[in-house]
Amino acid sequence: VGQLYVNRDPRFSECLKKGFSKWCSLFGAIMLGNTMQVGNFILGSILSTAPSNVLITLLVFVVYVAWMVFMTYVFVSLAILSPAIVIENLGPIDGIKRAWDL
């Protein structure tokens, strides 16, 4: 995609070489991004085991909905993580920062 912006025809072999040269950074960034799913598991567990008190259950549900809205924003922001790492030659942490900036 980056080569299309500079009016070059990308070749399949060049794209594979570029992608495989950054596989460690891509793997690290994906693992860092996916660690946030632990929060989904924890909040889901709390919601399913909440006591029968209606107020506490409602509070946990509101926190869970707010967390899901935040996670939707995070995952949409991280959708451009791989192109940022490969095209801009960034590491995993810098790639995540750049994805947040975009």
PDB file of N, CA and C in Angstrom:
ATOM      1  N   VAL A   1       0.832  -1.184   0.000  1.00  0.00           N
ATOM      2  CA  VAL A   1       0.000   0.000   0.000  1.00  0.00           C
ATOM      3  C   VAL A   1       0.873   1.243   0.000  1.00  0.00           C
ATOM      4  N   GLY A   2       1.964   1.211   0.763  1.00  0.00           N
ATOM      5  CA  GLY A   2       2.858   2.359   0.816  1.00  0.00           C
ATOM      6  C   GLY A   2       3.461   2.683  -0.539  1.00  0.00           C
ATOM      7  N   GLN A   3       3.759   1.665  -1.329  1.00  0.00           N
ATOM      8  CA  GLN A   3       4.335   1.901  -2.647  1.00  0.00           C
ATOM      9  C   GLN A   3       3.310   2.489  -3.606  1.00  0.00           C
ATOM     10  N   LEU A   4       2.048   2.188  -3.424  1.00  0.00           N
ATOM     11  CA  LEU A   4       1.015   2.762  -4.279  1.00  0.00           C
ATOM     12  C   LEU A   4       0.918   4.276  -4.099  1.00  0.00           C
ATOM     13  N   TYR A   5       1.195   4.747  -2.895  1.00  0.00           N
ATOM     14  CA  TYR A   5       1.122   6.184  -2.636  1.00  0.00           C
ATOM     15  C   TYR A   5       2.239   6.960  -3.320  1.00  0.00           C
ATOM     16  N   VAL A   6       3.341   6.296  -3.620  1.00  0.00           N
ATOM     17  CA  VAL A   6       4.454   6.960  -4.313  1.00  0.00           C
ATOM     18  C   VAL A   6       4.494   6.556  -5.777  1.00  0.00           C
ATOM     19  N   ASN A   7       3.359   6.109  -6.307  1.00  0.00           N
ATOM     20  CA  ASN A   7       3.188   5.756  -7.718  1.00  0.00           C
ATOM     21  C   ASN A   7       4.141   4.666  -8.194  1.00  0.00           C
ATOM     22  N   ARG A   8       4.343   3.654  -7.370  1.00  0.00           N
ATOM     23  CA  ARG A   8       5.117   2.483  -7.762  1.00  0.00           C
ATOM     24  C   ARG A   8       4.206   1.272  -7.741  1.00  0.00           C
ATOM     25  N   ASP A   9       4.497   0.326  -8.608  1.00  0.00           N
ATOM     26  CA  ASP A   9       3.757  -0.931  -8.598  1.00  0.00           C
ATOM     27  C   ASP A   9       4.411  -1.891  -7.604  1.00  0.00           C
ATOM     28  N   PRO A  10       3.688  -2.278  -6.554  1.00  0.00           N
ATOM     29  CA  PRO A  10       4.274  -3.213  -5.589  1.00  0.00           C
ATOM     30  C   PRO A  10       4.369  -4.613  -6.180  1.00  0.00           C
ATOM     31  N   ARG A  11       5.441  -5.278  -5.869  1.00  0.00           N
ATOM     32  CA  ARG A  11       5.599  -6.672  -6.291  1.00  0.00           C
ATOM     33  C   ARG A  11       5.343  -7.558  -5.081  1.00  0.00           C
ATOM     34  N   PHE A  12       4.771  -8.695  -5.361  1.00  0.00           N
ATOM     35  CA  PHE A  12       4.385  -9.611  -4.289  1.00  0.00           C
ATOM     36  C   PHE A  12       5.589 -10.033  -3.454  1.00  0.00           C
ATOM     37  N   SER A  13       6.697 -10.354  -4.098  1.00  0.00           N
ATOM     38  CA  SER A  13       7.889 -10.808  -3.371  1.00  0.00           C
ATOM     39  C   SER A  13       8.453  -9.695  -2.492  1.00  0.00           C
ATOM     40  N   GLU A  14       8.422  -8.462  -2.973  1.00  0.00           N
ATOM     41  CA  GLU A  14       8.909  -7.345  -2.158  1.00  0.00           C
ATOM     42  C   GLU A  14       8.024  -7.133  -0.935  1.00  0.00           C
ATOM     43  N   CYS A  15       6.730  -7.292  -1.125  1.00  0.00           N
ATOM     44  CA  CYS A  15       5.797  -7.137  -0.005  1.00  0.00           C
ATOM     45  C   CYS A  15       6.037  -8.215   1.061  1.00  0.00           C
ATOM     46  N   LEU A  16       6.254  -9.451   0.619  1.00  0.00           N
ATOM     47  CA  LEU A  16       6.539 -10.527   1.575  1.00  0.00           C
ATOM     48  C   LEU A  16       7.850 -10.293   2.309  1.00  0.00           C
ATOM     49  N   LYS A  17       8.875  -9.866   1.601  1.00  0.00           N
ATOM     50  CA  LYS A  17      10.163  -9.581   2.249  1.00  0.00           C
ATOM     51  C   LYS A  17      10.020  -8.490   3.295  1.00  0.00           C
ATOM     52  N   LYS A  18       9.309  -7.446   2.954  1.00  0.00           N
ATOM     53  CA  LYS A  18       9.115  -6.338   3.890  1.00  0.00           C
ATOM     54  C   LYS A  18       8.326  -6.797   5.116  1.00  0.00           C
ATOM     55  N   GLY A  19       7.281  -7.572   4.907  1.00  0.00           N
ATOM     56  CA  GLY A  19       6.474  -8.058   6.024  1.00  0.00           C
ATOM     57  C   GLY A  19       7.225  -9.012   6.920  1.00  0.00           C
ATOM     58  N   PHE A  20       7.968  -9.956   6.315  1.00  0.00           N
ATOM     59  CA  PHE A  20       8.713 -10.926   7.121  1.00  0.00           C
ATOM     60  C   PHE A  20       9.891 -10.291   7.840  1.00  0.00           C
ATOM     61  N   SER A  21      10.419  -9.190   7.313  1.00  0.00           N
ATOM     62  CA  SER A  21      11.536  -8.534   7.989  1.00  0.00           C
ATOM     63  C   SER A  21      11.079  -7.856   9.280  1.00  0.00           C
ATOM     64  N   LYS A  22       9.785  -7.590   9.420  1.00  0.00           N
ATOM     65  CA  LYS A  22       9.257  -6.925  10.613  1.00  0.00           C
ATOM     66  C   LYS A  22       8.388  -7.837  11.463  1.00  0.00           C
ATOM     67  N   TRP A  23       8.517  -9.161  11.307  1.00  0.00           N
ATOM     68  CA  TRP A  23       7.595 -10.061  11.991  1.00  0.00           C
ATOM     69  C   TRP A  23       7.744  -9.996  13.499  1.00  0.00           C
ATOM     70  N   CYS A  24       8.946  -9.776  14.025  1.00  0.00           N
ATOM     71  CA  CYS A  24       9.113  -9.684  15.485  1.00  0.00           C
ATOM     72  C   CYS A  24       8.380  -8.470  16.040  1.00  0.00           C
ATOM     73  N   SER A  25       8.537  -7.339  15.377  1.00  0.00           N
ATOM     74  CA  SER A  25       7.849  -6.129  15.822  1.00  0.00           C
ATOM     75  C   SER A  25       6.337  -6.291  15.708  1.00  0.00           C
ATOM     76  N   LEU A  26       5.876  -6.900  14.630  1.00  0.00           N
ATOM     77  CA  LEU A  26       4.442  -7.119  14.458  1.00  0.00           C
ATOM     78  C   LEU A  26       3.886  -8.042  15.529  1.00  0.00           C
ATOM     79  N   PHE A  27       4.598  -9.117  15.806  1.00  0.00           N
ATOM     80  CA  PHE A  27       4.158 -10.069  16.824  1.00  0.00           C
ATOM     81  C   PHE A  27       4.113  -9.402  18.199  1.00  0.00           C
ATOM     82  N   GLY A  28       5.164  -8.650  18.534  1.00  0.00           N
ATOM     83  CA  GLY A  28       5.202  -7.964  19.826  1.00  0.00           C
ATOM     84  C   GLY A  28       4.078  -6.957  19.982  1.00  0.00           C
ATOM     85  N   ALA A  29       3.820  -6.194  18.937  1.00  0.00           N
ATOM     86  CA  ALA A  29       2.760  -5.187  19.008  1.00  0.00           C
ATOM     87  C   ALA A  29       1.390  -5.843  19.119  1.00  0.00           C
ATOM     88  N   ILE A  30       1.181  -6.915  18.406  1.00  0.00           N
ATOM     89  CA  ILE A  30      -0.102  -7.611  18.482  1.00  0.00           C
ATOM     90  C   ILE A  30      -0.306  -8.202  19.878  1.00  0.00           C
ATOM     91  N   MET A  31       0.755  -8.750  20.455  1.00  0.00           N
ATOM     92  CA  MET A  31       0.636  -9.303  21.810  1.00  0.00           C
ATOM     93  C   MET A  31       0.353  -8.203  22.827  1.00  0.00           C
ATOM     94  N   LEU A  32       1.006  -7.048  22.680  1.00  0.00           N
ATOM     95  CA  LEU A  32       0.734  -5.938  23.596  1.00  0.00           C
ATOM     96  C   LEU A  32      -0.700  -5.446  23.446  1.00  0.00           C
ATOM     97  N   GLY A  33      -1.165  -5.360  22.216  1.00  0.00           N
ATOM     98  CA  GLY A  33      -2.538  -4.917  21.991  1.00  0.00           C
ATOM     99  C   GLY A  33      -3.566  -5.894  22.520  1.00  0.00           C
ATOM    100  N   ASN A  34      -3.273  -7.169  22.424  1.00  0.00           N
ATOM    101  CA  ASN A  34      -4.233  -8.180  22.860  1.00  0.00           C
ATOM    102  C   ASN A  34      -4.248  -8.402  24.364  1.00  0.00           C
ATOM    103  N   THR A  35      -3.267  -7.889  25.087  1.00  0.00           N
ATOM    104  CA  THR A  35      -3.291  -8.043  26.545  1.00  0.00           C
ATOM    105  C   THR A  35      -4.461  -7.289  27.162  1.00  0.00           C
ATOM    106  N   MET A  36      -4.999  -6.323  26.437  1.00  0.00           N
ATOM    107  CA  MET A  36      -6.154  -5.583  26.960  1.00  0.00           C
ATOM    108  C   MET A  36      -7.394  -6.453  27.022  1.00  0.00           C
ATOM    109  N   GLN A  37      -7.377  -7.552  26.325  1.00  0.00           N
ATOM    110  CA  GLN A  37      -8.529  -8.448  26.377  1.00  0.00           C
ATOM    111  C   GLN A  37      -8.642  -9.137  27.731  1.00  0.00           C
ATOM    112  N   VAL A  38      -7.580  -9.109  28.517  1.00  0.00           N
ATOM    113  CA  VAL A  38      -7.640  -9.663  29.869  1.00  0.00           C
ATOM    114  C   VAL A  38      -8.669  -8.880  30.686  1.00  0.00           C
ATOM    115  N   GLY A  39      -8.710  -7.560  30.473  1.00  0.00           N
ATOM    116  CA  GLY A  39      -9.705  -6.737  31.158  1.00  0.00           C
ATOM    117  C   GLY A  39     -11.119  -7.160  30.805  1.00  0.00           C
ATOM    118  N   ASN A  40     -11.336  -7.515  29.548  1.00  0.00           N
ATOM    119  CA  ASN A  40     -12.660  -8.005  29.144  1.00  0.00           C
ATOM    120  C   ASN A  40     -13.024  -9.268  29.909  1.00  0.00           C
ATOM    121  N   PHE A  41     -12.072 -10.168  30.052  1.00  0.00           N
ATOM    122  CA  PHE A  41     -12.325 -11.419  30.777  1.00  0.00           C
ATOM    123  C   PHE A  41     -12.615 -11.147  32.246  1.00  0.00           C
ATOM    124  N   ILE A  42     -11.822 -10.278  32.862  1.00  0.00           N
ATOM    125  CA  ILE A  42     -12.001  -9.990  34.289  1.00  0.00           C
ATOM    126  C   ILE A  42     -13.354  -9.322  34.537  1.00  0.00           C
ATOM    127  N   LEU A  43     -13.663  -8.301  33.743  1.00  0.00           N
ATOM    128  CA  LEU A  43     -14.948  -7.631  33.944  1.00  0.00           C
ATOM    129  C   LEU A  43     -16.126  -8.550  33.631  1.00  0.00           C
ATOM    130  N   GLY A  44     -15.995  -9.393  32.621  1.00  0.00           N
ATOM    131  CA  GLY A  44     -17.055 -10.351  32.327  1.00  0.00           C
ATOM    132  C   GLY A  44     -17.239 -11.347  33.458  1.00  0.00           C
ATOM    133  N   SER A  45     -16.136 -11.769  34.067  1.00  0.00           N
ATOM    134  CA  SER A  45     -16.227 -12.694  35.198  1.00  0.00           C
ATOM    135  C   SER A  45     -16.891 -12.042  36.394  1.00  0.00           C
ATOM    136  N   ILE A  46     -16.535 -10.783  36.651  1.00  0.00           N
ATOM    137  CA  ILE A  46     -17.145 -10.068  37.765  1.00  0.00           C
ATOM    138  C   ILE A  46     -18.640  -9.892  37.522  1.00  0.00           C
ATOM    139  N   LEU A  47     -18.996  -9.561  36.290  1.00  0.00           N
ATOM    140  CA  LEU A  47     -20.403  -9.347  35.966  1.00  0.00           C
ATOM    141  C   LEU A  47     -21.218 -10.628  36.129  1.00  0.00           C
ATOM    142  N   SER A  48     -20.625 -11.743  35.755  1.00  0.00           N
ATOM    143  CA  SER A  48     -21.372 -12.995  35.840  1.00  0.00           C
ATOM    144  C   SER A  48     -21.456 -13.531  37.268  1.00  0.00           C
ATOM    145  N   THR A  49     -20.545 -13.118  38.149  1.00  0.00           N
ATOM    146  CA  THR A  49     -20.551 -13.611  39.527  1.00  0.00           C
ATOM    147  C   THR A  49     -20.918 -12.522  40.519  1.00  0.00           C
ATOM    148  N   ALA A  50     -21.500 -11.429  40.042  1.00  0.00           N
ATOM    149  CA  ALA A  50     -21.864 -10.332  40.941  1.00  0.00           C
ATOM    150  C   ALA A  50     -22.926 -10.804  41.930  1.00  0.00           C
ATOM    151  N   PRO A  51     -22.881 -10.253  43.138  1.00  0.00           N
ATOM    152  CA  PRO A  51     -23.889 -10.645  44.126  1.00  0.00           C
ATOM    153  C   PRO A  51     -25.289 -10.224  43.682  1.00  0.00           C
ATOM    154  N   SER A  52     -26.273 -10.704  44.404  1.00  0.00           N
ATOM    155  CA  SER A  52     -27.664 -10.457  44.014  1.00  0.00           C
ATOM    156  C   SER A  52     -28.102  -9.023  44.313  1.00  0.00           C
ATOM    157  N   ASN A  53     -27.229  -8.219  44.899  1.00  0.00           N
ATOM    158  CA  ASN A  53     -27.562  -6.825  45.151  1.00  0.00           C
ATOM    159  C   ASN A  53     -27.709  -6.107  43.810  1.00  0.00           C
ATOM    160  N   VAL A  54     -28.839  -5.520  43.574  1.00  0.00           N
ATOM    161  CA  VAL A  54     -29.147  -4.901  42.284  1.00  0.00           C
ATOM    162  C   VAL A  54     -28.241  -3.708  42.022  1.00  0.00           C
ATOM    163  N   LEU A  55     -27.932  -2.927  43.024  1.00  0.00           N
ATOM    164  CA  LEU A  55     -27.099  -1.740  42.846  1.00  0.00           C
ATOM    165  C   LEU A  55     -25.682  -2.111  42.411  1.00  0.00           C
ATOM    166  N   ILE A  56     -25.114  -3.121  43.037  1.00  0.00           N
ATOM    167  CA  ILE A  56     -23.766  -3.550  42.670  1.00  0.00           C
ATOM    168  C   ILE A  56     -23.769  -4.149  41.268  1.00  0.00           C
ATOM    169  N   THR A  57     -24.763  -4.930  40.954  1.00  0.00           N
ATOM    170  CA  THR A  57     -24.865  -5.515  39.618  1.00  0.00           C
ATOM    171  C   THR A  57     -25.001  -4.427  38.562  1.00  0.00           C
ATOM    172  N   LEU A  58     -25.820  -3.412  38.829  1.00  0.00           N
ATOM    173  CA  LEU A  58     -25.979  -2.305  37.897  1.00  0.00           C
ATOM    174  C   LEU A  58     -24.678  -1.526  37.732  1.00  0.00           C
ATOM    175  N   LEU A  59     -23.969  -1.298  38.822  1.00  0.00           N
ATOM    176  CA  LEU A  59     -22.688  -0.590  38.761  1.00  0.00           C
ATOM    177  C   LEU A  59     -21.672  -1.371  37.931  1.00  0.00           C
ATOM    178  N   VAL A  60     -21.583  -2.653  38.156  1.00  0.00           N
ATOM    179  CA  VAL A  60     -20.658  -3.486  37.388  1.00  0.00           C
ATOM    180  C   VAL A  60     -21.044  -3.491  35.913  1.00  0.00           C
ATOM    181  N   PHE A  61     -22.323  -3.527  35.622  1.00  0.00           N
ATOM    182  CA  PHE A  61     -22.782  -3.510  34.232  1.00  0.00           C
ATOM    183  C   PHE A  61     -22.416  -2.194  33.545  1.00  0.00           C
ATOM    184  N   VAL A  62     -22.595  -1.069  34.244  1.00  0.00           N
ATOM    185  CA  VAL A  62     -22.248   0.239  33.667  1.00  0.00           C
ATOM    186  C   VAL A  62     -20.745   0.328  33.415  1.00  0.00           C
ATOM    187  N   VAL A  63     -19.947  -0.164  34.340  1.00  0.00           N
ATOM    188  CA  VAL A  63     -18.493  -0.181  34.145  1.00  0.00           C
ATOM    189  C   VAL A  63     -18.133  -1.066  32.960  1.00  0.00           C
ATOM    190  N   TYR A  64     -18.802  -2.186  32.821  1.00  0.00           N
ATOM    191  CA  TYR A  64     -18.528  -3.099  31.708  1.00  0.00           C
ATOM    192  C   TYR A  64     -18.880  -2.455  30.362  1.00  0.00           C
ATOM    193  N   VAL A  65     -19.993  -1.765  30.293  1.00  0.00           N
ATOM    194  CA  VAL A  65     -20.384  -1.090  29.050  1.00  0.00           C
ATOM    195  C   VAL A  65     -19.381   0.011  28.720  1.00  0.00           C
ATOM    196  N   ALA A  66     -18.964   0.785  29.724  1.00  0.00           N
ATOM    197  CA  ALA A  66     -17.961   1.829  29.492  1.00  0.00           C
ATOM    198  C   ALA A  66     -16.645   1.203  29.015  1.00  0.00           C
ATOM    199  N   TRP A  67     -16.263   0.079  29.593  1.00  0.00           N
ATOM    200  CA  TRP A  67     -15.040  -0.613  29.177  1.00  0.00           C
ATOM    201  C   TRP A  67     -15.155  -1.085  27.730  1.00  0.00           C
ATOM    202  N   MET A  68     -16.312  -1.598  27.341  1.00  0.00           N
ATOM    203  CA  MET A  68     -16.501  -2.077  25.973  1.00  0.00           C
ATOM    204  C   MET A  68     -16.448  -0.920  24.973  1.00  0.00           C
ATOM    205  N   VAL A  69     -16.971   0.243  25.332  1.00  0.00           N
ATOM    206  CA  VAL A  69     -16.869   1.418  24.460  1.00  0.00           C
ATOM    207  C   VAL A  69     -15.405   1.808  24.303  1.00  0.00           C
ATOM    208  N   PHE A  70     -14.673   1.817  25.399  1.00  0.00           N
ATOM    209  CA  PHE A  70     -13.242   2.132  25.343  1.00  0.00           C
ATOM    210  C   PHE A  70     -12.485   1.111  24.503  1.00  0.00           C
ATOM    211  N   MET A  71     -12.785  -0.159  24.682  1.00  0.00           N
ATOM    212  CA  MET A  71     -12.085  -1.199  23.928  1.00  0.00           C
ATOM    213  C   MET A  71     -12.401  -1.116  22.435  1.00  0.00           C
ATOM    214  N   THR A  72     -13.606  -0.720  22.094  1.00  0.00           N
ATOM    215  CA  THR A  72     -13.941  -0.527  20.680  1.00  0.00           C
ATOM    216  C   THR A  72     -13.069   0.570  20.089  1.00  0.00           C
ATOM    217  N   TYR A  73     -12.899   1.656  20.821  1.00  0.00           N
ATOM    218  CA  TYR A  73     -12.031   2.746  20.371  1.00  0.00           C
ATOM    219  C   TYR A  73     -10.586   2.262  20.228  1.00  0.00           C
ATOM    220  N   VAL A  74     -10.125   1.484  21.183  1.00  0.00           N
ATOM    221  CA  VAL A  74      -8.746   0.978  21.140  1.00  0.00           C
ATOM    222  C   VAL A  74      -8.546   0.076  19.930  1.00  0.00           C
ATOM    223  N   PHE A  75      -9.444  -0.862  19.691  1.00  0.00           N
ATOM    224  CA  PHE A  75      -9.263  -1.803  18.589  1.00  0.00           C
ATOM    225  C   PHE A  75      -9.392  -1.127  17.227  1.00  0.00           C
ATOM    226  N   VAL A  76     -10.228  -0.101  17.131  1.00  0.00           N
ATOM    227  CA  VAL A  76     -10.290   0.654  15.876  1.00  0.00           C
ATOM    228  C   VAL A  76      -8.983   1.416  15.667  1.00  0.00           C
ATOM    229  N   SER A  77      -8.435   1.986  16.738  1.00  0.00           N
ATOM    230  CA  SER A  77      -7.160   2.704  16.626  1.00  0.00           C
ATOM    231  C   SER A  77      -6.019   1.760  16.262  1.00  0.00           C
ATOM    232  N   LEU A  78      -6.051   0.543  16.766  1.00  0.00           N
ATOM    233  CA  LEU A  78      -4.969  -0.403  16.500  1.00  0.00           C
ATOM    234  C   LEU A  78      -5.143  -1.142  15.178  1.00  0.00           C
ATOM    235  N   ALA A  79      -6.204  -0.846  14.448  1.00  0.00           N
ATOM    236  CA  ALA A  79      -6.401  -1.494  13.152  1.00  0.00           C
ATOM    237  C   ALA A  79      -5.316  -1.096  12.158  1.00  0.00           C
ATOM    238  N   ILE A  80      -4.710   0.057  12.367  1.00  0.00           N
ATOM    239  CA  ILE A  80      -3.653   0.516  11.470  1.00  0.00           C
ATOM    240  C   ILE A  80      -2.271   0.275  12.057  1.00  0.00           C
ATOM    241  N   LEU A  81      -2.190  -0.613  13.014  1.00  0.00           N
ATOM    242  CA  LEU A  81      -0.917  -0.901  13.669  1.00  0.00           C
ATOM    243  C   LEU A  81       0.084  -1.564  12.728  1.00  0.00           C
ATOM    244  N   SER A  82      -0.323  -2.585  12.018  1.00  0.00           N
ATOM    245  CA  SER A  82       0.605  -3.293  11.130  1.00  0.00           C
ATOM    246  C   SER A  82       1.152  -2.408  10.017  1.00  0.00           C
ATOM    247  N   PRO A  83       0.310  -1.635   9.322  1.00  0.00           N
ATOM    248  CA  PRO A  83       0.887  -0.754   8.308  1.00  0.00           C
ATOM    249  C   PRO A  83       1.840   0.284   8.890  1.00  0.00           C
ATOM    250  N   ALA A  84       1.546   0.791  10.091  1.00  0.00           N
ATOM    251  CA  ALA A  84       2.435   1.780  10.699  1.00  0.00           C
ATOM    252  C   ALA A  84       3.802   1.177  10.998  1.00  0.00           C
ATOM    253  N   ILE A  85       3.829  -0.065  11.459  1.00  0.00           N
ATOM    254  CA  ILE A  85       5.098  -0.720  11.772  1.00  0.00           C
ATOM    255  C   ILE A  85       5.886  -1.015  10.511  1.00  0.00           C
ATOM    256  N   VAL A  86       5.224  -1.560   9.504  1.00  0.00           N
ATOM    257  CA  VAL A  86       5.939  -1.996   8.300  1.00  0.00           C
ATOM    258  C   VAL A  86       6.378  -0.803   7.451  1.00  0.00           C
ATOM    259  N   ILE A  87       5.493   0.127   7.209  1.00  0.00           N
ATOM    260  CA  ILE A  87       5.814   1.233   6.311  1.00  0.00           C
ATOM    261  C   ILE A  87       6.774   2.223   6.955  1.00  0.00           C
ATOM    262  N   GLU A  88       6.591   2.505   8.244  1.00  0.00           N
ATOM    263  CA  GLU A  88       7.410   3.517   8.895  1.00  0.00           C
ATOM    264  C   GLU A  88       8.601   2.936   9.650  1.00  0.00           C
ATOM    265  N   ASN A  89       8.834   1.634   9.538  1.00  0.00           N
ATOM    266  CA  ASN A  89       9.966   0.961  10.184  1.00  0.00           C
ATOM    267  C   ASN A  89      10.022   1.250  11.689  1.00  0.00           C
ATOM    268  N   LEU A  90       8.926   0.971  12.373  1.00  0.00           N
ATOM    269  CA  LEU A  90       8.841   1.212  13.807  1.00  0.00           C
ATOM    270  C   LEU A  90       8.892  -0.093  14.576  1.00  0.00           C
ATOM    271  N   GLY A  91       9.236   0.005  15.843  1.00  0.00           N
ATOM    272  CA  GLY A  91       9.182  -1.141  16.739  1.00  0.00           C
ATOM    273  C   GLY A  91       7.775  -1.282  17.294  1.00  0.00           C
ATOM    274  N   PRO A  92       7.554  -2.275  18.173  1.00  0.00           N
ATOM    275  CA  PRO A  92       6.195  -2.507  18.670  1.00  0.00           C
ATOM    276  C   PRO A  92       5.629  -1.346  19.497  1.00  0.00           C
ATOM    277  N   ILE A  93       6.410  -0.801  20.419  1.00  0.00           N
ATOM    278  CA  ILE A  93       5.922   0.295  21.263  1.00  0.00           C
ATOM    279  C   ILE A  93       5.706   1.554  20.434  1.00  0.00           C
ATOM    280  N   ASP A  94       6.694   1.884  19.589  1.00  0.00           N
ATOM    281  CA  ASP A  94       6.560   3.068  18.736  1.00  0.00           C
ATOM    282  C   ASP A  94       5.416   2.905  17.738  1.00  0.00           C
ATOM    283  N   GLY A  95       5.192   1.680  17.263  1.00  0.00           N
ATOM    284  CA  GLY A  95       4.081   1.424  16.358  1.00  0.00           C
ATOM    285  C   GLY A  95       2.740   1.662  17.022  1.00  0.00           C
ATOM    286  N   ILE A  96       2.607   1.230  18.280  1.00  0.00           N
ATOM    287  CA  ILE A  96       1.362   1.464  19.019  1.00  0.00           C
ATOM    288  C   ILE A  96       1.160   2.955  19.251  1.00  0.00           C
ATOM    289  N   LYS A  97       2.237   3.659  19.607  1.00  0.00           N
ATOM    290  CA  LYS A  97       2.127   5.119  19.797  1.00  0.00           C
ATOM    291  C   LYS A  97       1.706   5.805  18.500  1.00  0.00           C
ATOM    292  N   ARG A  98       2.290   5.376  17.392  1.00  0.00           N
ATOM    293  CA  ARG A  98       1.956   5.972  16.095  1.00  0.00           C
ATOM    294  C   ARG A  98       0.514   5.654  15.697  1.00  0.00           C
ATOM    295  N   ALA A  99       0.054   4.448  15.976  1.00  0.00           N
ATOM    296  CA  ALA A  99      -1.334   4.088  15.666  1.00  0.00           C
ATOM    297  C   ALA A  99      -2.290   4.947  16.481  1.00  0.00           C
ATOM    298  N   TRP A 100      -1.945   5.236  17.729  1.00  0.00           N
ATOM    299  CA  TRP A 100      -2.782   6.100  18.552  1.00  0.00           C
ATOM    300  C   TRP A 100      -2.799   7.518  17.997  1.00  0.00           C
ATOM    301  N   ASP A 101      -1.653   7.988  17.500  1.00  0.00           N
ATOM    302  CA  ASP A 101      -1.585   9.335  16.933  1.00  0.00           C
ATOM    303  C   ASP A 101      -2.429   9.475  15.673  1.00  0.00           C
ATOM    304  N   LEU A 102      -2.468   8.413  14.879  1.00  0.00           N
ATOM    305  CA  LEU A 102      -3.241   8.488  13.634  1.00  0.00           C
ATOM    306  C   LEU A 102      -4.711   8.382  13.943  1.00  0.00           C
TER     307      LEU A 102
END
